[in-house]
Amino acid sequence: MDRLMVAQLTATNSEQRKKLYDRVQEILAENQPMIFLASPDILVGAKNTIGNFHPAVLEPYVLWNVDQLYLRSGAENAGR
C-alpha cells in the first residue's frame, strides 16, 4: 500500500493516479477491519497560578474544562 500511495502521489497522469488509488482502496477493503488512529504531538502550557489545568487529547486542548479552571491565591504559590 505504501508503494502504491507513493506512486499515485508522483503520477503525472490522472488516469494512472486513479488506477493506483483504486488499487489501494481494494487492498484496504480486502483487509478490513482497519482502525485508523491519530495521536498528534500536542504541547500546551499554563502558568502555575492556574488551578485544575488538565489538557485534553481532543480539541479544544486547553479550554475543554474552562468552567473548572481557577486562579490560585498567592499563598498557594509561595513555595513554587
PDB file of N, CA and C in Angstrom:
ATOM      1  N   MET A   1       0.819  -1.191   0.000  1.00  0.00           N
ATOM      2  CA  MET A   1       0.000   0.000   0.000  1.00  0.00           C
ATOM      3  C   MET A   1       0.862   1.253   0.000  1.00  0.00           C
ATOM      4  N   ASP A   2       1.929   1.220   0.787  1.00  0.00           N
ATOM      5  CA  ASP A   2       2.803   2.398   0.827  1.00  0.00           C
ATOM      6  C   ASP A   2       3.400   2.682  -0.551  1.00  0.00           C
ATOM      7  N   ARG A   3       3.855   1.631  -1.218  1.00  0.00           N
ATOM      8  CA  ARG A   3       4.447   1.803  -2.541  1.00  0.00           C
ATOM      9  C   ARG A   3       3.410   2.377  -3.508  1.00  0.00           C
ATOM     10  N   LEU A   4       2.178   1.876  -3.442  1.00  0.00           N
ATOM     11  CA  LEU A   4       1.122   2.366  -4.321  1.00  0.00           C
ATOM     12  C   LEU A   4       0.771   3.831  -4.021  1.00  0.00           C
ATOM     13  N   MET A   5       0.745   4.183  -2.747  1.00  0.00           N
ATOM     14  CA  MET A   5       0.424   5.566  -2.390  1.00  0.00           C
ATOM     15  C   MET A   5       1.508   6.528  -2.859  1.00  0.00           C
ATOM     16  N   VAL A   6       2.767   6.126  -2.722  1.00  0.00           N
ATOM     17  CA  VAL A   6       3.853   6.974  -3.223  1.00  0.00           C
ATOM     18  C   VAL A   6       3.759   7.101  -4.740  1.00  0.00           C
ATOM     19  N   ALA A   7       3.461   5.986  -5.407  1.00  0.00           N
ATOM     20  CA  ALA A   7       3.349   6.009  -6.865  1.00  0.00           C
ATOM     21  C   ALA A   7       2.202   6.910  -7.314  1.00  0.00           C
ATOM     22  N   GLN A   8       1.070   6.848  -6.640  1.00  0.00           N
ATOM     23  CA  GLN A   8      -0.054   7.684  -7.062  1.00  0.00           C
ATOM     24  C   GLN A   8       0.190   9.153  -6.744  1.00  0.00           C
ATOM     25  N   LEU A   9       0.973   9.424  -5.716  1.00  0.00           N
ATOM     26  CA  LEU A   9       1.305  10.814  -5.407  1.00  0.00           C
ATOM     27  C   LEU A   9       2.210  11.436  -6.461  1.00  0.00           C
ATOM     28  N   THR A  10       3.053  10.614  -7.076  1.00  0.00           N
ATOM     29  CA  THR A  10       4.012  11.139  -8.048  1.00  0.00           C
ATOM     30  C   THR A  10       3.586  10.930  -9.493  1.00  0.00           C
ATOM     31  N   ALA A  11       2.449  10.268  -9.693  1.00  0.00           N
ATOM     32  CA  ALA A  11       1.974  10.036 -11.069  1.00  0.00           C
ATOM     33  C   ALA A  11       1.570  11.358 -11.709  1.00  0.00           C
ATOM     34  N   THR A  12       1.976  11.561 -12.939  1.00  0.00           N
ATOM     35  CA  THR A  12       1.634  12.796 -13.656  1.00  0.00           C
ATOM     36  C   THR A  12       0.351  12.651 -14.462  1.00  0.00           C
ATOM     37  N   ASN A  13      -0.058  11.439 -14.700  1.00  0.00           N
ATOM     38  CA  ASN A  13      -1.265  11.152 -15.466  1.00  0.00           C
ATOM     39  C   ASN A  13      -2.414  10.891 -14.488  1.00  0.00           C
ATOM     40  N   SER A  14      -3.509  11.620 -14.619  1.00  0.00           N
ATOM     41  CA  SER A  14      -4.619  11.463 -13.684  1.00  0.00           C
ATOM     42  C   SER A  14      -5.270  10.079 -13.787  1.00  0.00           C
ATOM     43  N   GLU A  15      -5.277   9.489 -14.975  1.00  0.00           N
ATOM     44  CA  GLU A  15      -5.840   8.147 -15.124  1.00  0.00           C
ATOM     45  C   GLU A  15      -4.999   7.113 -14.373  1.00  0.00           C
ATOM     46  N   GLN A  16      -3.686   7.221 -14.478  1.00  0.00           N
ATOM     47  CA  GLN A  16      -2.787   6.318 -13.764  1.00  0.00           C
ATOM     48  C   GLN A  16      -2.930   6.520 -12.253  1.00  0.00           C
ATOM     49  N   ARG A  17      -3.031   7.791 -11.835  1.00  0.00           N
ATOM     50  CA  ARG A  17      -3.192   8.096 -10.418  1.00  0.00           C
ATOM     51  C   ARG A  17      -4.467   7.450  -9.871  1.00  0.00           C
ATOM     52  N   LYS A  18      -5.564   7.553 -10.614  1.00  0.00           N
ATOM     53  CA  LYS A  18      -6.828   6.954 -10.177  1.00  0.00           C
ATOM     54  C   LYS A  18      -6.722   5.439 -10.106  1.00  0.00           C
ATOM     55  N   LYS A  19      -6.065   4.832 -11.081  1.00  0.00           N
ATOM     56  CA  LYS A  19      -5.895   3.382 -11.099  1.00  0.00           C
ATOM     57  C   LYS A  19      -5.125   2.916  -9.858  1.00  0.00           C
ATOM     58  N   LEU A  20      -4.051   3.615  -9.533  1.00  0.00           N
ATOM     59  CA  LEU A  20      -3.251   3.267  -8.358  1.00  0.00           C
ATOM     60  C   LEU A  20      -4.042   3.469  -7.065  1.00  0.00           C
ATOM     61  N   TYR A  21      -4.760   4.569  -6.995  1.00  0.00           N
ATOM     62  CA  TYR A  21      -5.540   4.849  -5.789  1.00  0.00           C
ATOM     63  C   TYR A  21      -6.680   3.840  -5.639  1.00  0.00           C
ATOM     64  N   ASP A  22      -7.302   3.453  -6.739  1.00  0.00           N
ATOM     65  CA  ASP A  22      -8.355   2.428  -6.692  1.00  0.00           C
ATOM     66  C   ASP A  22      -7.804   1.110  -6.163  1.00  0.00           C
ATOM     67  N   ARG A  23      -6.586   0.765  -6.551  1.00  0.00           N
ATOM     68  CA  ARG A  23      -5.968  -0.471  -6.070  1.00  0.00           C
ATOM     69  C   ARG A  23      -5.720  -0.399  -4.561  1.00  0.00           C
ATOM     70  N   VAL A  24      -5.312   0.764  -4.076  1.00  0.00           N
ATOM     71  CA  VAL A  24      -5.131   0.954  -2.641  1.00  0.00           C
ATOM     72  C   VAL A  24      -6.461   0.723  -1.920  1.00  0.00           C
ATOM     73  N   GLN A  25      -7.531   1.265  -2.484  1.00  0.00           N
ATOM     74  CA  GLN A  25      -8.851   1.089  -1.879  1.00  0.00           C
ATOM     75  C   GLN A  25      -9.269  -0.386  -1.879  1.00  0.00           C
ATOM     76  N   GLU A  26      -8.940  -1.111  -2.932  1.00  0.00           N
ATOM     77  CA  GLU A  26      -9.259  -2.537  -2.991  1.00  0.00           C
ATOM     78  C   GLU A  26      -8.515  -3.312  -1.903  1.00  0.00           C
ATOM     79  N   ILE A  27      -7.235  -3.034  -1.754  1.00  0.00           N
ATOM     80  CA  ILE A  27      -6.435  -3.706  -0.727  1.00  0.00           C
ATOM     81  C   ILE A  27      -6.987  -3.400   0.661  1.00  0.00           C
ATOM     82  N   LEU A  28      -7.333  -2.157   0.872  1.00  0.00           N
ATOM     83  CA  LEU A  28      -7.890  -1.753   2.154  1.00  0.00           C
ATOM     84  C   LEU A  28      -9.196  -2.485   2.432  1.00  0.00           C
ATOM     85  N   ALA A  29     -10.060  -2.585   1.444  1.00  0.00           N
ATOM     86  CA  ALA A  29     -11.348  -3.268   1.614  1.00  0.00           C
ATOM     87  C   ALA A  29     -11.150  -4.759   1.868  1.00  0.00           C
ATOM     88  N   GLU A  30     -10.160  -5.361   1.246  1.00  0.00           N
ATOM     89  CA  GLU A  30      -9.890  -6.786   1.434  1.00  0.00           C
ATOM     90  C   GLU A  30      -9.368  -7.100   2.835  1.00  0.00           C
ATOM     91  N   ASN A  31      -8.726  -6.130   3.477  1.00  0.00           N
ATOM     92  CA  ASN A  31      -8.079  -6.365   4.762  1.00  0.00           C
ATOM     93  C   ASN A  31      -8.808  -5.722   5.935  1.00  0.00           C
ATOM     94  N   GLN A  32     -10.094  -5.515   5.783  1.00  0.00           N
ATOM     95  CA  GLN A  32     -10.880  -4.950   6.880  1.00  0.00           C
ATOM     96  C   GLN A  32     -10.987  -5.961   7.995  1.00  0.00           C
ATOM     97  N   PRO A  33     -11.207  -5.631   9.228  1.00  0.00           N
ATOM     98  CA  PRO A  33     -11.383  -4.259   9.702  1.00  0.00           C
ATOM     99  C   PRO A  33     -10.038  -3.566   9.939  1.00  0.00           C
ATOM    100  N   MET A  34     -10.043  -2.296   9.730  1.00  0.00           N
ATOM    101  CA  MET A  34      -8.874  -1.480   9.969  1.00  0.00           C
ATOM    102  C   MET A  34      -9.316  -0.275  10.792  1.00  0.00           C
ATOM    103  N   ILE A  35      -8.588   0.037  11.811  1.00  0.00           N
ATOM    104  CA  ILE A  35      -8.917   1.178  12.647  1.00  0.00           C
ATOM    105  C   ILE A  35      -7.791   2.196  12.500  1.00  0.00           C
ATOM    106  N   PHE A  36      -8.132   3.380  12.043  1.00  0.00           N
ATOM    107  CA  PHE A  36      -7.145   4.433  11.869  1.00  0.00           C
ATOM    108  C   PHE A  36      -7.126   5.302  13.123  1.00  0.00           C
ATOM    109  N   LEU A  37      -5.987   5.397  13.728  1.00  0.00           N
ATOM    110  CA  LEU A  37      -5.828   6.207  14.920  1.00  0.00           C
ATOM    111  C   LEU A  37      -4.808   7.304  14.641  1.00  0.00           C
ATOM    112  N   ALA A  38      -5.085   8.452  15.160  1.00  0.00           N
ATOM    113  CA  ALA A  38      -4.144   9.558  15.040  1.00  0.00           C
ATOM    114  C   ALA A  38      -3.954  10.158  16.416  1.00  0.00           C
ATOM    115  N   SER A  39      -2.734  10.319  16.799  1.00  0.00           N
ATOM    116  CA  SER A  39      -2.458  10.994  18.066  1.00  0.00           C
ATOM    117  C   SER A  39      -1.337  11.998  17.814  1.00  0.00           C
ATOM    118  N   PRO A  40      -1.740  13.213  17.520  1.00  0.00           N
ATOM    119  CA  PRO A  40      -0.733  14.234  17.224  1.00  0.00           C
ATOM    120  C   PRO A  40       0.061  14.605  18.469  1.00  0.00           C
ATOM    121  N   ASP A  41       1.261  15.083  18.251  1.00  0.00           N
ATOM    122  CA  ASP A  41       2.082  15.589  19.349  1.00  0.00           C
ATOM    123  C   ASP A  41       1.634  17.013  19.644  1.00  0.00           C
ATOM    124  N   ILE A  42       0.978  17.194  20.765  1.00  0.00           N
ATOM    125  CA  ILE A  42       0.450  18.498  21.142  1.00  0.00           C
ATOM    126  C   ILE A  42       1.134  18.942  22.433  1.00  0.00           C
ATOM    127  N   LEU A  43       1.648  20.138  22.429  1.00  0.00           N
ATOM    128  CA  LEU A  43       2.261  20.699  23.627  1.00  0.00           C
ATOM    129  C   LEU A  43       1.430  21.893  24.073  1.00  0.00           C
ATOM    130  N   VAL A  44       1.048  21.908  25.328  1.00  0.00           N
ATOM    131  CA  VAL A  44       0.316  23.035  25.894  1.00  0.00           C
ATOM    132  C   VAL A  44       0.971  23.416  27.207  1.00  0.00           C
ATOM    133  N   GLY A  45       0.730  24.609  27.625  1.00  0.00           N
ATOM    134  CA  GLY A  45       1.315  25.057  28.873  1.00  0.00           C
ATOM    135  C   GLY A  45       0.478  26.135  29.515  1.00  0.00           C
ATOM    136  N   ALA A  46       0.687  26.314  30.799  1.00  0.00           N
ATOM    137  CA  ALA A  46      -0.009  27.359  31.548  1.00  0.00           C
ATOM    138  C   ALA A  46       0.841  27.730  32.757  1.00  0.00           C
ATOM    139  N   LYS A  47       0.607  28.903  33.276  1.00  0.00           N
ATOM    140  CA  LYS A  47       1.300  29.314  34.497  1.00  0.00           C
ATOM    141  C   LYS A  47       0.840  28.450  35.652  1.00  0.00           C
ATOM    142  N   ASN A  48       1.694  28.321  36.655  1.00  0.00           N
ATOM    143  CA  ASN A  48       1.320  27.505  37.810  1.00  0.00           C
ATOM    144  C   ASN A  48       0.268  28.181  38.686  1.00  0.00           C
ATOM    145  N   THR A  49      -0.162  29.363  38.309  1.00  0.00           N
ATOM    146  CA  THR A  49      -1.233  30.030  39.052  1.00  0.00           C
ATOM    147  C   THR A  49      -2.616  29.571  38.599  1.00  0.00           C
ATOM    148  N   ILE A  50      -2.676  28.788  37.545  1.00  0.00           N
ATOM    149  CA  ILE A  50      -3.964  28.279  37.064  1.00  0.00           C
ATOM    150  C   ILE A  50      -4.203  26.911  37.686  1.00  0.00           C
ATOM    151  N   GLY A  51      -5.318  26.803  38.389  1.00  0.00           N
ATOM    152  CA  GLY A  51      -5.661  25.549  39.043  1.00  0.00           C
ATOM    153  C   GLY A  51      -6.572  24.697  38.177  1.00  0.00           C
ATOM    154  N   ASN A  52      -6.525  23.396  38.394  1.00  0.00           N
ATOM    155  CA  ASN A  52      -7.339  22.406  37.675  1.00  0.00           C
ATOM    156  C   ASN A  52      -7.034  22.398  36.180  1.00  0.00           C
ATOM    157  N   PHE A  53      -5.778  22.623  35.837  1.00  0.00           N
ATOM    158  CA  PHE A  53      -5.357  22.641  34.431  1.00  0.00           C
ATOM    159  C   PHE A  53      -5.005  21.226  33.998  1.00  0.00           C
ATOM    160  N   HIS A  54      -5.833  20.648  33.141  1.00  0.00           N
ATOM    161  CA  HIS A  54      -5.636  19.288  32.641  1.00  0.00           C
ATOM    162  C   HIS A  54      -5.896  19.285  31.140  1.00  0.00           C
ATOM    163  N   PRO A  55      -4.860  19.427  30.306  1.00  0.00           N
ATOM    164  CA  PRO A  55      -5.062  19.435  28.851  1.00  0.00           C
ATOM    165  C   PRO A  55      -5.692  18.125  28.365  1.00  0.00           C
ATOM    166  N   ALA A  56      -6.477  18.222  27.327  1.00  0.00           N
ATOM    167  CA  ALA A  56      -7.141  17.060  26.740  1.00  0.00           C
ATOM    168  C   ALA A  56      -6.414  16.621  25.479  1.00  0.00           C
ATOM    169  N   VAL A  57      -6.739  15.434  24.979  1.00  0.00           N
ATOM    170  CA  VAL A  57      -6.133  14.952  23.740  1.00  0.00           C
ATOM    171  C   VAL A  57      -6.945  15.365  22.520  1.00  0.00           C
ATOM    172  N   LEU A  58      -8.162  15.843  22.716  1.00  0.00           N
ATOM    173  CA  LEU A  58      -9.012  16.318  21.620  1.00  0.00           C
ATOM    174  C   LEU A  58      -9.219  17.816  21.758  1.00  0.00           C
ATOM    175  N   GLU A  59      -9.563  18.459  20.659  1.00  0.00           N
ATOM    176  CA  GLU A  59      -9.813  19.902  20.696  1.00  0.00           C
ATOM    177  C   GLU A  59     -11.099  20.192  21.440  1.00  0.00           C
ATOM    178  N   PRO A  60     -11.206  21.277  22.156  1.00  0.00           N
ATOM    179  CA  PRO A  60     -10.146  22.237  22.470  1.00  0.00           C
ATOM    180  C   PRO A  60      -9.236  21.680  23.550  1.00  0.00           C
ATOM    181  N   TYR A  61      -7.949  21.670  23.310  1.00  0.00           N
ATOM    182  CA  TYR A  61      -6.986  21.010  24.177  1.00  0.00           C
ATOM    183  C   TYR A  61      -6.945  21.603  25.579  1.00  0.00           C
ATOM    184  N   VAL A  62      -7.034  22.910  25.656  1.00  0.00           N
ATOM    185  CA  VAL A  62      -6.851  23.586  26.930  1.00  0.00           C
ATOM    186  C   VAL A  62      -8.170  24.025  27.563  1.00  0.00           C
ATOM    187  N   LEU A  63      -9.126  24.397  26.766  1.00  0.00           N
ATOM    188  CA  LEU A  63     -10.337  25.014  27.319  1.00  0.00           C
ATOM    189  C   LEU A  63     -11.522  24.068  27.414  1.00  0.00           C
ATOM    190  N   TRP A  64     -11.305  22.773  27.346  1.00  0.00           N
ATOM    191  CA  TRP A  64     -12.430  21.842  27.418  1.00  0.00           C
ATOM    192  C   TRP A  64     -13.121  21.901  28.779  1.00  0.00           C
ATOM    193  N   ASN A  65     -12.385  22.270  29.826  1.00  0.00           N
ATOM    194  CA  ASN A  65     -12.971  22.388  31.163  1.00  0.00           C
ATOM    195  C   ASN A  65     -12.834  23.815  31.688  1.00  0.00           C
ATOM    196  N   VAL A  66     -13.051  24.784  30.818  1.00  0.00           N
ATOM    197  CA  VAL A  66     -12.836  26.187  31.176  1.00  0.00           C
ATOM    198  C   VAL A  66     -13.679  26.596  32.380  1.00  0.00           C
ATOM    199  N   ASP A  67     -14.840  25.989  32.550  1.00  0.00           N
ATOM    200  CA  ASP A  67     -15.694  26.342  33.689  1.00  0.00           C
ATOM    201  C   ASP A  67     -15.126  25.832  35.012  1.00  0.00           C
ATOM    202  N   GLN A  68     -14.093  24.992  34.978  1.00  0.00           N
ATOM    203  CA  GLN A  68     -13.495  24.449  36.195  1.00  0.00           C
ATOM    204  C   GLN A  68     -12.105  25.024  36.487  1.00  0.00           C
ATOM    205  N   LEU A  69     -11.590  25.863  35.585  1.00  0.00           N
ATOM    206  CA  LEU A  69     -10.287  26.488  35.816  1.00  0.00           C
ATOM    207  C   LEU A  69     -10.428  27.616  36.831  1.00  0.00           C
ATOM    208  N   TYR A  70      -9.382  27.846  37.614  1.00  0.00           N
ATOM    209  CA  TYR A  70      -9.417  28.929  38.584  1.00  0.00           C
ATOM    210  C   TYR A  70      -8.009  29.458  38.802  1.00  0.00           C
ATOM    211  N   LEU A  71      -7.925  30.673  39.335  1.00  0.00           N
ATOM    212  CA  LEU A  71      -6.637  31.272  39.690  1.00  0.00           C
ATOM    213  C   LEU A  71      -6.338  30.941  41.135  1.00  0.00           C
ATOM    214  N   ARG A  72      -5.156  30.401  41.371  1.00  0.00           N
ATOM    215  CA  ARG A  72      -4.740  30.083  42.734  1.00  0.00           C
ATOM    216  C   ARG A  72      -4.348  31.359  43.466  1.00  0.00           C
ATOM    217  N   SER A  73      -4.529  31.352  44.768  1.00  0.00           N
ATOM    218  CA  SER A  73      -4.138  32.514  45.562  1.00  0.00           C
ATOM    219  C   SER A  73      -2.624  32.569  45.714  1.00  0.00           C
ATOM    220  N   GLY A  74      -2.102  33.706  46.126  1.00  0.00           N
ATOM    221  CA  GLY A  74      -0.666  33.877  46.284  1.00  0.00           C
ATOM    222  C   GLY A  74      -0.067  32.961  47.330  1.00  0.00           C
ATOM    223  N   ALA A  75      -0.809  32.608  48.375  1.00  0.00           N
ATOM    224  CA  ALA A  75      -0.296  31.747  49.440  1.00  0.00           C
ATOM    225  C   ALA A  75       0.002  30.347  48.921  1.00  0.00           C
ATOM    226  N   GLU A  76      -0.808  29.833  48.015  1.00  0.00           N
ATOM    227  CA  GLU A  76      -0.599  28.507  47.475  1.00  0.00           C
ATOM    228  C   GLU A  76       0.649  28.433  46.587  1.00  0.00           C
ATOM    229  N   ASN A  77       1.010  29.582  45.993  1.00  0.00           N
ATOM    230  CA  ASN A  77       2.143  29.610  45.060  1.00  0.00           C
ATOM    231  C   ASN A  77       3.429  30.101  45.701  1.00  0.00           C
ATOM    232  N   ALA A  78       3.410  30.375  46.995  1.00  0.00           N
ATOM    233  CA  ALA A  78       4.583  30.936  47.656  1.00  0.00           C
ATOM    234  C   ALA A  78       5.784  30.004  47.570  1.00  0.00           C
ATOM    235  N   GLY A  79       5.552  28.700  47.630  1.00  0.00           N
ATOM    236  CA  GLY A  79       6.653  27.749  47.595  1.00  0.00           C
ATOM    237  C   GLY A  79       7.086  27.362  46.202  1.00  0.00           C
ATOM    238  N   ARG A  80       6.516  27.887  45.196  1.00  0.00           N
ATOM    239  CA  ARG A  80       6.825  27.469  43.823  1.00  0.00           C
ATOM    240  C   ARG A  80       7.626  28.497  43.087  1.00  0.00           C
TER     241      ARG A  80
END
